[in-house]
């Protein structure tokens, strides 16, 4: 009798099991397109920012129009519509079915389903009222399990300007931001929790809810105080002394680490002419570097290597600073290590002599070259490079993205940057124009405190513009600094100065006795 009873129970259980529809495993693959969107809504043009979201929400059966051929993208979403969306997403994800039984009102089955399945149902009095963005976020965060809202973004508490996690709806909003479902309504990621949700916005969010590949990567951090910025970044910035072959200091500058393995950034003009670098770290440790990976003279960028490991390094910003943004400069102006200044971006994109810079008003001076330009979150956005002489608070930094173009595939000595040139006799290190281009002086004589050398343009191996550009390269690579241009006897001359060897050099097109020449004056 007992065996028969057990057999009967097992049979009944088996019969019941066969009578229950098999449920699919919870998966994004359960979201299938059940209809085709063929310009179904006249008020959703193909060029609209919300077009794809409306199409996806419609084809998956999660949102419908408000009338035949009308979606009302700018219409406000109701509480009832929100529960239809959330419950449909939940049921499709878990079962692959979007079937709901009827109720006393069209939205009652969706609200009842939400209540039974842990989707937050607040004490709404009027389900036909428009839903706020904060309530929408709370309901949508409950439409999928946590594992289907995997964080892909770094969103610090307070990173959303108008929402804190401690708010009643805060955890839901931050969950959806971190998952890339919500991105805010402006560049700062502002959420506007009290505003009502439009149907176009809802459709776009639905598309990201059901297709993880559509989710948007972003970062929202809390701005740091000046003290916090300095504390965070100063260990990664170092002082550079540039040494010649006799280990004499010929100039100074700054640099900073971008990896714990000693990879660092500075300006090309800091390292050119160096035989080695003597680097003083934040804690006073002194190291020597004799080589680099890559440089770009046009952008004034250099990627160098400091021997060692375990160095503190700066995070590189993935967004360019905007005009008006707060920035900080950290370097060693005039050899004063770890000097810290604060300012704003005066112009985010400034073109000077064909080069691209960030213009800022944070104080920098000679020796700041190669230092770090930091944003309000402690990330490197540029490398401080130059200050405009004779101007007030007009300083320049090379954008950090230009340094990302440098290659770390090969390694070479600093000596590789020094061009092997002949020098004017008694005027080292001024490059001998005639010796370099293979032309004899047409005329020589006393110059302005020194000696002048003139060369006929017709004797030059290349057009005069190309020769001048090449000679400027030679001059600058031998550590001459451009002092400016001057007019002499109606002719434009460029003037350079080498502060370590007290040599002044000027040159430019000239006319002597009706003959076109290039005259070089060295003193």
Protein backbone atom coordinates (compact mmCIF):
# COMPACT_ATOMS: atom_id res chain seq x y z
CA UNK A 1 0.00 0.00 0.00
CA UNK A 2 2.80 2.34 0.91
CA UNK A 3 4.65 1.60 -2.33
CA UNK A 4 1.48 2.24 -4.31
CA UNK A 5 1.00 5.59 -2.53
CA UNK A 6 4.56 6.65 -3.29
CA UNK A 7 4.12 5.65 -6.92
CA UNK A 8 0.87 7.61 -7.12
CA UNK A 9 2.47 10.73 -5.62
CA UNK A 10 5.40 10.48 -8.02
CA UNK A 11 3.02 10.12 -10.92
CA UNK A 12 1.03 13.16 -9.82
CA UNK A 13 4.23 15.20 -9.41
CA UNK A 14 5.36 14.15 -12.86
CA UNK A 15 2.00 15.09 -14.33
CA UNK A 16 2.10 18.49 -12.62
CA UNK A 17 5.63 19.06 -13.82
CA UNK A 18 4.57 18.31 -17.36
CA UNK A 19 1.63 20.68 -17.04
CA UNK A 20 3.82 23.71 -16.06
CA UNK A 21 5.31 25.52 -19.08
CA UNK A 22 9.09 25.22 -19.19
CA UNK A 23 10.75 28.54 -18.35
CA UNK A 24 13.82 29.72 -20.24
CA UNK A 25 17.01 30.59 -18.40
CA UNK A 26 17.35 34.25 -17.47
CA UNK A 27 19.36 35.85 -20.26
CA UNK A 28 19.69 38.87 -22.52
CA UNK A 29 19.10 36.44 -25.38
CA UNK A 30 15.45 36.30 -24.30
CA UNK A 31 15.02 39.80 -25.73
CA UNK A 32 13.99 39.00 -29.29
CA UNK A 33 12.63 41.29 -31.97
CA UNK A 34 9.00 40.35 -32.47
CA UNK A 35 8.10 42.93 -35.11
CA UNK A 36 9.75 45.14 -37.69
CA UNK A 37 9.97 48.88 -37.34
CA UNK A 38 9.28 50.27 -40.80
CA UNK A 39 9.07 53.99 -40.14
CA UNK A 40 6.09 53.11 -38.01
CA UNK A 41 5.88 56.52 -36.35
CA UNK A 42 5.65 59.67 -38.41
CA UNK A 43 6.94 61.76 -35.49
CA UNK A 44 10.21 59.77 -35.20
CA UNK A 45 12.41 60.98 -38.07
CA UNK A 46 15.41 58.83 -38.96
CA UNK A 47 17.76 61.73 -38.12
CA UNK A 48 16.43 62.12 -34.56
CA UNK A 49 18.78 61.26 -31.68
CA UNK A 50 16.11 58.98 -30.22
CA UNK A 51 15.28 57.12 -33.46
CA UNK A 52 17.27 53.97 -32.72
CA UNK A 53 15.98 53.76 -29.16
CA UNK A 54 12.37 54.01 -30.28
CA UNK A 55 12.98 51.41 -32.98
CA UNK A 56 14.57 48.94 -30.54
CA UNK A 57 11.94 49.43 -27.80
CA UNK A 58 9.16 48.97 -30.37
CA UNK A 59 10.62 45.95 -32.17
CA UNK A 60 11.12 44.14 -28.85
CA UNK A 61 7.52 44.82 -27.87
CA UNK A 62 8.46 46.87 -24.80
CA UNK A 63 7.03 50.22 -25.91
CA UNK A 64 4.15 51.04 -28.24
CA UNK A 65 2.77 54.21 -29.77
CA UNK A 66 0.13 56.39 -28.23
CA UNK A 67 -1.97 56.31 -31.38
CA UNK A 68 -1.81 54.83 -34.86
CA UNK A 69 1.49 56.01 -36.36
CA UNK A 70 2.19 58.35 -33.42
CA UNK A 71 4.84 57.72 -30.78
CA UNK A 72 4.88 61.16 -29.08
CA UNK A 73 8.63 61.15 -28.40
CA UNK A 74 8.47 64.47 -26.58
CA UNK A 75 5.40 63.48 -24.62
CA UNK A 76 5.87 62.76 -20.94
CA UNK A 77 5.93 59.18 -19.72
CA UNK A 78 3.28 58.12 -17.19
CA UNK A 79 3.72 55.99 -14.08
CA UNK A 80 1.51 53.32 -15.66
CA UNK A 81 3.64 53.20 -18.82
CA UNK A 82 6.75 52.88 -16.65
CA UNK A 83 5.39 49.77 -14.93
CA UNK A 84 4.47 48.28 -18.31
CA UNK A 85 8.06 48.82 -19.47
CA UNK A 86 9.73 47.55 -16.30
CA UNK A 87 7.52 44.49 -15.88
CA UNK A 88 7.87 43.54 -19.53
CA UNK A 89 11.66 43.80 -19.35
CA UNK A 90 11.71 41.72 -16.15
CA UNK A 91 9.46 38.98 -17.52
CA UNK A 92 11.21 38.77 -20.87
CA UNK A 93 14.63 38.55 -19.23
CA UNK A 94 13.58 35.80 -16.84
CA UNK A 95 11.16 33.80 -18.98
CA UNK A 96 11.31 34.96 -22.57
CA UNK A 97 7.55 35.64 -22.41
CA UNK A 98 5.76 38.98 -22.43
CA UNK A 99 2.29 37.56 -21.76
CA UNK A 100 0.25 39.34 -19.09
CA UNK A 101 -3.34 38.52 -18.08
CA UNK A 102 -6.02 41.19 -18.05
CA UNK A 103 -7.02 43.28 -15.04
CA UNK A 104 -9.42 45.92 -13.82
CA UNK A 105 -7.33 48.55 -15.63
CA UNK A 106 -4.95 48.09 -18.54
CA UNK A 107 -1.93 48.68 -16.32
CA UNK A 108 -3.06 46.59 -13.30
CA UNK A 109 -1.36 43.34 -14.49
CA UNK A 110 1.95 45.15 -14.83
CA UNK A 111 1.73 46.77 -11.40
CA UNK A 112 0.68 43.46 -9.80
CA UNK A 113 3.57 41.68 -11.54
CA UNK A 114 6.00 44.33 -10.33
CA UNK A 115 4.76 43.99 -6.76
CA UNK A 116 5.14 40.19 -6.84
CA UNK A 117 8.62 40.27 -8.37
CA UNK A 118 10.42 42.87 -6.29
CA UNK A 119 10.13 45.83 -8.65
CA UNK A 120 9.59 48.80 -6.30
CA UNK A 121 5.95 49.90 -6.24
CA UNK A 122 5.58 53.07 -4.30
CA UNK A 123 2.39 54.52 -2.90
CA UNK A 124 1.41 56.12 -6.19
CA UNK A 125 -2.08 57.61 -6.03
CA UNK A 126 -2.52 58.31 -9.72
CA UNK A 127 -0.88 55.92 -12.16
CA UNK A 128 -1.81 58.21 -15.04
CA UNK A 129 0.38 60.97 -13.59
CA UNK A 130 3.73 61.71 -15.20
CA UNK A 131 6.70 59.99 -13.66
CA UNK A 132 9.74 61.83 -12.39
CA UNK A 133 13.20 60.82 -13.51
CA UNK A 134 14.09 59.74 -9.97
CA UNK A 135 11.05 57.42 -9.69
CA UNK A 136 11.75 56.07 -13.17
CA UNK A 137 15.31 55.17 -12.11
CA UNK A 138 14.11 53.36 -8.99
CA UNK A 139 11.62 51.25 -10.94
CA UNK A 140 14.00 50.49 -13.82
CA UNK A 141 16.81 49.47 -11.46
CA UNK A 142 14.48 46.76 -10.19
CA UNK A 143 13.60 45.52 -13.67
CA UNK A 144 16.84 43.56 -14.06
CA UNK A 145 18.90 41.61 -11.52
CA UNK A 146 22.15 43.15 -10.29
CA UNK A 147 24.24 40.80 -12.41
CA UNK A 148 22.54 42.19 -15.54
CA UNK A 149 23.55 45.71 -14.50
CA UNK A 150 27.25 45.05 -14.18
CA UNK A 151 29.23 48.24 -13.51
CA UNK A 152 31.35 49.40 -16.45
CA UNK A 153 31.87 53.00 -15.32
CA UNK A 154 33.67 54.72 -12.49
CA UNK A 155 31.09 57.02 -10.91
CA UNK A 156 32.24 58.40 -7.57
CA UNK A 157 29.69 59.19 -4.88
CA UNK A 158 28.94 62.82 -5.58
CA UNK A 159 30.16 62.47 -9.15
CA UNK A 160 26.61 63.04 -10.38
CA UNK A 161 26.28 66.76 -9.68
CA UNK A 162 22.70 66.73 -8.42
CA UNK A 163 22.42 63.25 -6.86
CA UNK A 164 24.09 61.69 -3.83
CA UNK A 165 23.94 57.97 -3.10
CA UNK A 166 22.39 58.66 0.30
CA UNK A 167 19.26 60.09 -1.36
CA UNK A 168 16.22 57.79 -1.31
CA UNK A 169 16.63 57.16 -5.04
CA UNK A 170 20.41 57.62 -5.07
CA UNK A 171 21.53 53.99 -5.12
CA UNK A 172 19.25 53.23 -8.08
CA UNK A 173 20.51 56.22 -10.06
CA UNK A 174 24.17 55.40 -9.36
CA UNK A 175 23.61 51.74 -10.27
CA UNK A 176 22.24 52.71 -13.68
CA UNK A 177 25.01 55.27 -14.28
CA UNK A 178 27.68 52.73 -13.36
CA UNK A 179 26.08 50.20 -15.69
CA UNK A 180 26.12 52.71 -18.57
CA UNK A 181 22.32 52.80 -18.81
CA UNK A 182 21.98 56.40 -17.64
CA UNK A 183 24.46 59.08 -18.70
CA UNK A 184 22.83 62.34 -17.60
CA UNK A 185 21.62 65.31 -19.57
CA UNK A 186 24.80 67.36 -20.04
CA UNK A 187 28.58 67.07 -20.16
CA UNK A 188 28.77 67.01 -16.35
CA UNK A 189 26.34 64.09 -16.12
CA UNK A 190 23.59 66.08 -14.39
CA UNK A 191 20.55 63.87 -13.81
CA UNK A 192 17.74 66.38 -13.03
CA UNK A 193 15.86 63.94 -10.78
CA UNK A 194 12.79 66.13 -10.33
CA UNK A 195 12.04 66.51 -14.02
CA UNK A 196 9.56 64.26 -15.76
CA UNK A 197 10.75 61.58 -18.17
CA UNK A 198 9.99 61.91 -21.88
CA UNK A 199 9.04 58.91 -23.98
CA UNK A 200 12.07 59.47 -26.22
CA UNK A 201 14.38 59.37 -23.21
CA UNK A 202 12.64 56.26 -21.90
CA UNK A 203 13.00 54.45 -25.24
CA UNK A 204 16.72 55.21 -25.37
CA UNK A 205 17.17 53.91 -21.82
CA UNK A 206 15.15 50.77 -22.64
CA UNK A 207 17.49 50.03 -25.55
CA UNK A 208 20.48 50.14 -23.18
CA UNK A 209 18.67 48.03 -20.60
CA UNK A 210 18.06 45.14 -23.00
CA UNK A 211 21.32 45.33 -24.98
CA UNK A 212 24.49 45.65 -22.91
CA UNK A 213 26.50 46.52 -26.02
CA UNK A 214 24.62 49.82 -26.27
CA UNK A 215 25.64 50.96 -22.79
CA UNK A 216 27.76 54.09 -22.59
CA UNK A 217 31.21 54.19 -20.94
CA UNK A 218 31.90 57.30 -18.89
CA UNK A 219 33.62 58.55 -15.76
CA UNK A 220 32.27 61.00 -13.20
CA UNK A 221 34.56 61.94 -10.37
CA UNK A 222 34.25 64.42 -7.52
CA UNK A 223 36.47 67.51 -7.95
CA UNK A 224 39.31 67.53 -5.44
CA UNK A 225 40.43 70.44 -3.31
CA UNK A 226 43.76 72.06 -4.19
CA UNK A 227 45.33 70.35 -1.19
CA UNK A 228 44.03 66.97 -2.32
CA UNK A 229 45.30 67.50 -5.87
CA UNK A 230 48.80 68.33 -4.62
CA UNK A 231 48.86 65.38 -2.25
CA UNK A 232 47.74 63.04 -5.02
CA UNK A 233 50.04 64.14 -7.85
CA UNK A 234 53.21 65.62 -6.30
CA UNK A 235 54.99 62.26 -5.73
CA UNK A 236 54.87 61.59 -9.48
CA UNK A 237 56.50 64.88 -10.59
CA UNK A 238 60.29 65.30 -10.59
CA UNK A 239 63.03 67.87 -11.16
CA UNK A 240 65.34 67.48 -14.17
CA UNK A 241 68.91 68.72 -14.53
CA UNK A 242 70.24 68.36 -18.08
CA UNK A 243 73.91 67.32 -18.18
CA UNK A 244 76.40 67.67 -21.02
CA UNK A 245 79.21 65.21 -21.81
CA UNK A 246 81.32 66.72 -18.98
CA UNK A 247 78.41 66.22 -16.50
CA UNK A 248 77.91 69.99 -16.30
CA UNK A 249 74.36 71.27 -15.82
CA UNK A 250 73.35 73.22 -18.91
CA UNK A 251 69.61 73.69 -18.15
CA UNK A 252 66.83 72.46 -15.91
CA UNK A 253 63.25 71.36 -16.36
CA UNK A 254 60.53 69.06 -15.06
CA UNK A 255 58.91 65.74 -15.87
CA UNK A 256 56.41 63.24 -14.48
CA UNK A 257 55.84 59.50 -14.43
CA UNK A 258 53.03 57.86 -16.40
CA UNK A 259 53.85 54.30 -15.35
CA UNK A 260 55.32 52.59 -12.31
CA UNK A 261 58.08 51.21 -14.53
CA UNK A 262 59.66 54.64 -14.98
CA UNK A 263 58.13 55.77 -18.26
CA UNK A 264 57.79 59.55 -18.06
CA UNK A 265 56.86 62.66 -20.05
CA UNK A 266 58.63 65.96 -20.57
CA UNK A 267 59.14 68.45 -23.40
CA UNK A 268 61.43 67.79 -26.33
CA UNK A 269 63.16 71.11 -25.79
CA UNK A 270 64.06 70.02 -22.24
CA UNK A 271 66.03 66.93 -23.29
CA UNK A 272 67.51 68.05 -26.61
CA UNK A 273 71.24 68.61 -26.19
CA UNK A 274 71.43 66.33 -23.17
CA UNK A 275 74.07 63.68 -22.66
CA UNK A 276 72.19 62.50 -19.56
CA UNK A 277 69.53 63.64 -17.10
CA UNK A 278 69.92 63.94 -13.36
CA UNK A 279 66.48 63.47 -11.83
CA UNK A 280 65.53 64.41 -8.29
CA UNK A 281 62.37 62.71 -7.09
CA UNK A 282 59.78 64.09 -4.69
CA UNK A 283 61.41 62.33 -1.73
CA UNK A 284 64.89 63.62 -2.60
CA UNK A 285 66.20 60.44 -4.25
CA UNK A 286 68.53 61.19 -7.18
CA UNK A 287 68.54 59.02 -10.31
CA UNK A 288 70.27 59.28 -13.69
CA UNK A 289 68.68 58.67 -17.07
CA UNK A 290 70.64 58.28 -20.29
CA UNK A 291 67.95 57.49 -22.80
CA UNK A 292 64.49 57.95 -24.22
CA UNK A 293 61.87 56.20 -26.28
CA UNK A 294 60.61 58.86 -28.67
CA UNK A 295 60.40 62.60 -29.33
CA UNK A 296 58.43 64.86 -31.64
CA UNK A 297 60.00 68.25 -32.23
CA UNK A 298 56.91 69.70 -33.94
CA UNK A 299 54.72 68.97 -30.90
CA UNK A 300 57.58 69.50 -28.39
CA UNK A 301 56.90 66.09 -26.84
CA UNK A 302 59.26 63.51 -25.35
CA UNK A 303 58.81 60.05 -23.81
CA UNK A 304 61.74 59.24 -21.54
CA UNK A 305 62.77 56.38 -19.24
CA UNK A 306 63.88 56.71 -15.63
CA UNK A 307 65.62 53.55 -14.33
CA UNK A 308 63.79 51.74 -11.56
CA UNK A 309 60.35 50.46 -10.71
CA UNK A 310 57.45 51.06 -8.37
CA UNK A 311 57.24 54.79 -9.12
CA UNK A 312 54.06 56.74 -8.32
CA UNK A 313 52.54 57.89 -11.59
CA UNK A 314 49.81 60.19 -12.89
CA UNK A 315 46.53 59.10 -14.36
CA UNK A 316 46.03 60.42 -17.89
CA UNK A 317 42.73 62.20 -18.51
CA UNK A 318 40.67 60.78 -21.36
CA UNK A 319 38.93 64.12 -21.97
CA UNK A 320 40.40 67.45 -22.98
CA UNK A 321 39.91 70.35 -20.56
CA UNK A 322 37.36 72.99 -21.51
CA UNK A 323 37.87 76.72 -21.49
CA UNK A 324 37.21 78.00 -17.98
CA UNK A 325 38.06 74.71 -16.26
CA UNK A 326 40.20 74.80 -13.12
CA UNK A 327 43.73 73.47 -13.63
CA UNK A 328 46.89 73.13 -11.56
CA UNK A 329 50.53 73.36 -12.65
CA UNK A 330 53.24 71.40 -10.83
CA UNK A 331 56.91 71.63 -11.75
CA UNK A 332 60.26 73.16 -10.86
CA UNK A 333 60.39 76.78 -12.09
CA UNK A 334 63.84 78.31 -11.63
CA UNK A 335 64.86 75.07 -9.94
CA UNK A 336 62.31 75.49 -7.14
CA UNK A 337 61.11 71.91 -6.89
CA UNK A 338 57.47 70.91 -6.43
CA UNK A 339 56.12 74.43 -7.07
CA UNK A 340 52.32 74.31 -7.26
CA UNK A 341 50.02 76.91 -8.83
CA UNK A 342 46.35 77.14 -9.64
CA UNK A 343 44.46 78.80 -12.48
CA UNK A 344 41.97 78.28 -15.26
CA UNK A 345 42.11 77.25 -18.89
CA UNK A 346 42.07 80.60 -20.68
CA UNK A 347 41.62 78.91 -24.06
CA UNK A 348 41.35 75.15 -24.51
CA UNK A 349 42.69 75.21 -28.08
CA UNK A 350 45.27 77.83 -28.94
CA UNK A 351 47.31 77.74 -32.14
CA UNK A 352 50.75 79.38 -31.93
CA UNK A 353 53.24 79.14 -34.82
CA UNK A 354 51.44 76.08 -36.15
CA UNK A 355 51.54 74.28 -32.81
CA UNK A 356 48.57 73.33 -30.63
CA UNK A 357 48.50 74.42 -26.99
CA UNK A 358 46.27 74.78 -23.96
CA UNK A 359 46.41 78.40 -22.83
CA UNK A 360 46.27 78.84 -19.06
CA UNK A 361 46.78 81.53 -16.45
CA UNK A 362 48.29 79.30 -13.73
CA UNK A 363 51.75 80.67 -12.97
CA UNK A 364 54.75 78.94 -14.62
CA UNK A 365 58.31 80.14 -15.26
CA UNK A 366 61.59 78.97 -16.77
CA UNK A 367 62.15 75.44 -15.51
CA UNK A 368 58.44 74.62 -15.50
CA UNK A 369 58.82 73.06 -18.94
CA UNK A 370 57.92 69.38 -18.81
CA UNK A 371 55.83 69.79 -15.67
CA UNK A 372 52.33 68.45 -15.20
CA UNK A 373 49.13 70.31 -15.99
CA UNK A 374 46.47 68.72 -13.81
CA UNK A 375 42.67 68.91 -13.85
CA UNK A 376 40.43 69.21 -10.81
CA UNK A 377 40.34 65.41 -10.47
CA UNK A 378 44.10 64.96 -10.26
CA UNK A 379 44.55 63.73 -13.85
CA UNK A 380 47.19 64.94 -16.29
CA UNK A 381 45.68 66.97 -19.14
CA UNK A 382 48.86 68.54 -20.49
CA UNK A 383 52.55 69.33 -20.07
CA UNK A 384 53.51 72.88 -19.14
CA UNK A 385 55.72 74.24 -21.88
CA UNK A 386 56.08 77.99 -22.30
CA UNK A 387 55.21 81.43 -21.03
CA UNK A 388 54.64 84.46 -23.20
CA UNK A 389 57.37 87.03 -22.52
CA UNK A 390 55.99 90.51 -21.98
CA UNK A 391 52.47 89.22 -21.38
CA UNK A 392 50.60 88.80 -18.12
CA UNK A 393 49.51 85.29 -17.17
CA UNK A 394 49.59 83.92 -20.71
CA UNK A 395 51.13 80.49 -20.42
CA UNK A 396 51.02 77.42 -22.64
CA UNK A 397 50.87 73.65 -22.20
CA UNK A 398 51.01 70.87 -24.78
CA UNK A 399 47.78 68.78 -24.68
CA UNK A 400 48.34 65.34 -23.20
CA UNK A 401 46.83 63.57 -26.22
CA UNK A 402 49.81 64.67 -28.35
CA UNK A 403 52.11 62.71 -26.04
CA UNK A 404 50.00 59.60 -26.62
CA UNK A 405 51.24 59.60 -30.22
CA UNK A 406 54.79 58.79 -29.08
CA UNK A 407 56.05 55.23 -29.43
CA UNK A 408 57.75 53.06 -26.82
CA UNK A 409 58.86 50.42 -29.32
CA UNK A 410 62.54 51.44 -29.37
CA UNK A 411 65.02 52.98 -26.94
CA UNK A 412 67.92 55.29 -27.72
CA UNK A 413 70.40 57.61 -26.01
CA UNK A 414 69.88 61.33 -25.59
CA UNK A 415 72.97 61.82 -27.75
CA UNK A 416 70.89 60.65 -30.70
CA UNK A 417 69.06 63.99 -30.58
CA UNK A 418 72.25 66.02 -31.04
CA UNK A 419 73.01 66.81 -34.66
CA UNK A 420 76.65 66.47 -35.67
CA UNK A 421 77.43 69.87 -37.16
CA UNK A 422 80.42 72.08 -37.79
CA UNK A 423 80.62 75.25 -35.72
CA UNK A 424 81.71 78.74 -36.62
CA UNK A 425 85.33 79.07 -35.52
CA UNK A 426 85.57 80.83 -32.15
CA UNK A 427 81.76 80.85 -31.84
CA UNK A 428 80.88 77.41 -30.44
CA UNK A 429 78.06 76.20 -30.46
CA UNK A 430 76.73 78.30 -33.36
CA UNK A 431 76.31 75.99 -36.40
CA UNK A 432 78.45 77.00 -39.37
CA UNK A 433 75.89 77.83 -42.08
CA UNK A 434 78.31 77.48 -44.99
CA UNK A 435 79.88 74.24 -43.77
CA UNK A 436 76.48 72.63 -43.29
CA UNK A 437 75.07 73.56 -46.70
CA UNK A 438 78.34 73.24 -48.61
CA UNK A 439 78.58 76.86 -49.72
CA UNK A 440 81.43 79.37 -49.35
CA UNK A 441 80.85 82.79 -47.80
CA UNK A 442 80.36 85.41 -50.52
CA UNK A 443 81.15 88.21 -48.09
CA UNK A 444 82.47 88.38 -44.52
CA UNK A 445 83.17 91.23 -42.18
CA UNK A 446 82.67 92.64 -38.70
CA UNK A 447 79.13 92.26 -37.37
CA UNK A 448 77.18 93.51 -34.39
CA UNK A 449 79.74 92.78 -31.70
CA UNK A 450 81.07 89.79 -33.62
CA UNK A 451 81.37 88.69 -37.22
CA UNK A 452 79.00 88.41 -40.18
CA UNK A 453 78.94 85.82 -42.97
CA UNK A 454 76.91 86.30 -46.15
CA UNK A 455 76.02 83.55 -48.65
CA UNK A 456 74.53 84.06 -52.11
CA UNK A 457 71.02 82.64 -52.42
CA UNK A 458 71.84 81.36 -55.92
CA UNK A 459 74.57 79.14 -54.40
CA UNK A 460 72.20 77.40 -51.97
CA UNK A 461 71.37 73.72 -52.63
CA UNK A 462 67.66 74.17 -51.99
CA UNK A 463 65.03 76.97 -52.04
CA UNK A 464 65.75 79.65 -49.47
CA UNK A 465 62.63 78.81 -47.41
CA UNK A 466 63.76 75.19 -46.96
CA UNK A 467 67.31 76.22 -46.09
CA UNK A 468 66.11 78.66 -43.44
CA UNK A 469 63.81 76.04 -41.86
CA UNK A 470 66.62 73.50 -41.72
CA UNK A 471 69.05 76.02 -40.24
CA UNK A 472 66.52 76.95 -37.53
CA UNK A 473 66.37 73.25 -36.62
CA UNK A 474 70.17 73.14 -36.28
CA UNK A 475 70.22 76.26 -34.15
CA UNK A 476 67.46 75.11 -31.80
CA UNK A 477 68.93 71.63 -31.45
CA UNK A 478 72.16 73.25 -30.26
CA UNK A 479 70.29 74.84 -27.36
CA UNK A 480 69.69 78.30 -28.78
CA UNK A 481 66.51 80.02 -27.66
CA UNK A 482 64.65 82.27 -30.04
CA UNK A 483 64.63 85.83 -28.74
CA UNK A 484 62.45 87.27 -31.47
CA UNK A 485 62.72 88.94 -34.84
CA UNK A 486 64.25 92.29 -35.72
CA UNK A 487 64.52 94.59 -38.74
CA UNK A 488 68.03 95.54 -39.86
CA UNK A 489 68.40 97.83 -42.89
CA UNK A 490 64.88 96.90 -43.94
CA UNK A 491 65.54 93.14 -43.76
CA UNK A 492 63.96 90.69 -41.31
CA UNK A 493 66.43 88.77 -39.14
CA UNK A 494 65.70 86.05 -36.61
CA UNK A 495 67.64 86.29 -33.36
CA UNK A 496 68.74 83.42 -31.11
CA UNK A 497 70.65 83.24 -27.84
CA UNK A 498 72.53 80.46 -26.07
CA UNK A 499 72.51 81.36 -22.35
CA UNK A 500 75.13 78.75 -21.36
CA UNK A 501 77.76 79.86 -23.85
CA UNK A 502 76.86 83.55 -24.15
CA UNK A 503 76.54 83.47 -27.94
CA UNK A 504 74.03 85.55 -29.90
CA UNK A 505 73.20 84.54 -33.45
CA UNK A 506 70.96 86.30 -35.96
CA UNK A 507 70.30 85.51 -39.60
CA UNK A 508 67.93 86.22 -42.43
CA UNK A 509 67.58 87.25 -46.08
CA UNK A 510 69.52 90.34 -47.09
CA UNK A 511 70.59 92.26 -50.20
CA UNK A 512 74.19 93.43 -50.59
CA UNK A 513 75.21 95.38 -53.70
CA UNK A 514 72.12 94.10 -55.48
CA UNK A 515 72.89 90.45 -54.66
CA UNK A 516 70.36 88.37 -52.70
CA UNK A 517 72.09 86.72 -49.76
CA UNK A 518 71.51 85.11 -46.40
CA UNK A 519 73.55 86.85 -43.73
CA UNK A 520 74.50 85.19 -40.47
CA UNK A 521 75.77 87.40 -37.66
CA UNK A 522 77.49 85.71 -34.70
CA UNK A 523 78.60 87.51 -31.57
